[in-house]
Amino acid sequence: MTKSYAAQSENSGMAPHTIERREPRADDVAIDILYCGVCHTDIHYVQNDWGGTIYPVVPGHEIIGRVTAVGEDVKDYKEGDIVGVGCMVDSCRSCEACDQGLEQYCLSGMVPTYNGEDKHDGSITYGGYSENVVVSDRFVVRVPDSLDPAKSAPLLCAGITTYSPLRHYGVKQGDKVGVIGMGGLGHMGVKFAKAMGAEVTLFTRSESKVKEAKKQGADHVVISTDPEQMEAVAETFDFMLDTVPVQHDLNPYLNCLKFDGTHILVGLLEPVDPALQAGQLVMKRRVLAGSLIGGMPETQEMLDFCGEHGIHCDVEMLDIKNINEAFERMKKGDVKYRFVIDMDTLKQSA
């Protein structure tokens, strides 16, 4: 039996709860959770914003912990290793996507770290707002010694969500990359694009973000509500990484792309509104694309890249008893840039 925090209904908020973790299977890794990042997706599931939440729900898919035991078939991990678990804990492992290490696109559906159904016993998965977790070794990644474990937790979601499309679409030395939005995803996008050698411009609606964007490594900042500034950068970018999670007008940003430029959505899951002006794509052979986290090989590659380049997420540490307050602050954008729960606060609670 394991201490956790869970929501019992869409209006209940988060509160202490007890769950049961399975005994390790032959390919499993048992992990004592040290830190867990807080993602906006957690709020959506707790409040059933997208429908389909299975209560009680234990959120958390940005997990860093220490290995406490391994199954008999596990060769790559041992007791004491510092490891991570991200947004998924299983997939079919045999389809075309899984064979390519793209488990997030599993043709039969990947199993999310929480609110998913275990493919072996049908149980509901519970996430990282808990003392420990048991996960197949295929869905565990090694955290480089050079990384701060607490600041590494959000890399398992915010990090891979921005790294994967930049890598997949080929961002390279000398490219011009625009990053739209300066939240948890946006500030990671700036760091990754800069480390890949790109000239990086942050697009924001807020004058107050200019200094902070430069601090994070942006070469330039454009206030997207200023028509003159937007006109000055028309048709200049190779890529636009769009991290905004709510409906917004894509057309002004598409006009910032060169011909053959690519606009990549990683935050928006709702219908595009207002409508796209298709001529913006057709007349310049521009691409509007989307991207979802990354597969397990790429997630390990991302962590290794962070270790080599000294990249981490900017975090605010959190006592788990304050999780409901943290959710409210996140809704207001009052966090720079990710909350991370120190799981000792759960283990030491009554």
Foldseek 3Di string as FASTA:
>chain_A
DWWFWWAQALPRFIDIDDDDADDADQQKWKWFWFKFWDDLVQNCLSNVVVPLRDPRAADTFLTWTFTCDGHNNYDPDDGGFIKTAGFFFAAPCDDPCNVVLFRCVHVVHTATQASGADPPPRDTHYHDRIRIHMGGPQRMAGFDPLDDRQLRRCCRALVLLQLVVCVVVPQAAAFEEEEEDDAQNRLNNQLNSVLRRYQYEYEACDPVCFVVSVVSPHPYYANVVDVVSLVVQFQPHQEYEYQDQDADACASVLRNHHQQHEYEYRRYPDDHPPDHPCCSCVVRVYYYYYDHRGGSVVSNVSSVSCSVVVDGADEDEDQVVCVSVVSVCVVVCNTRYIYMYRSVSRVPDD
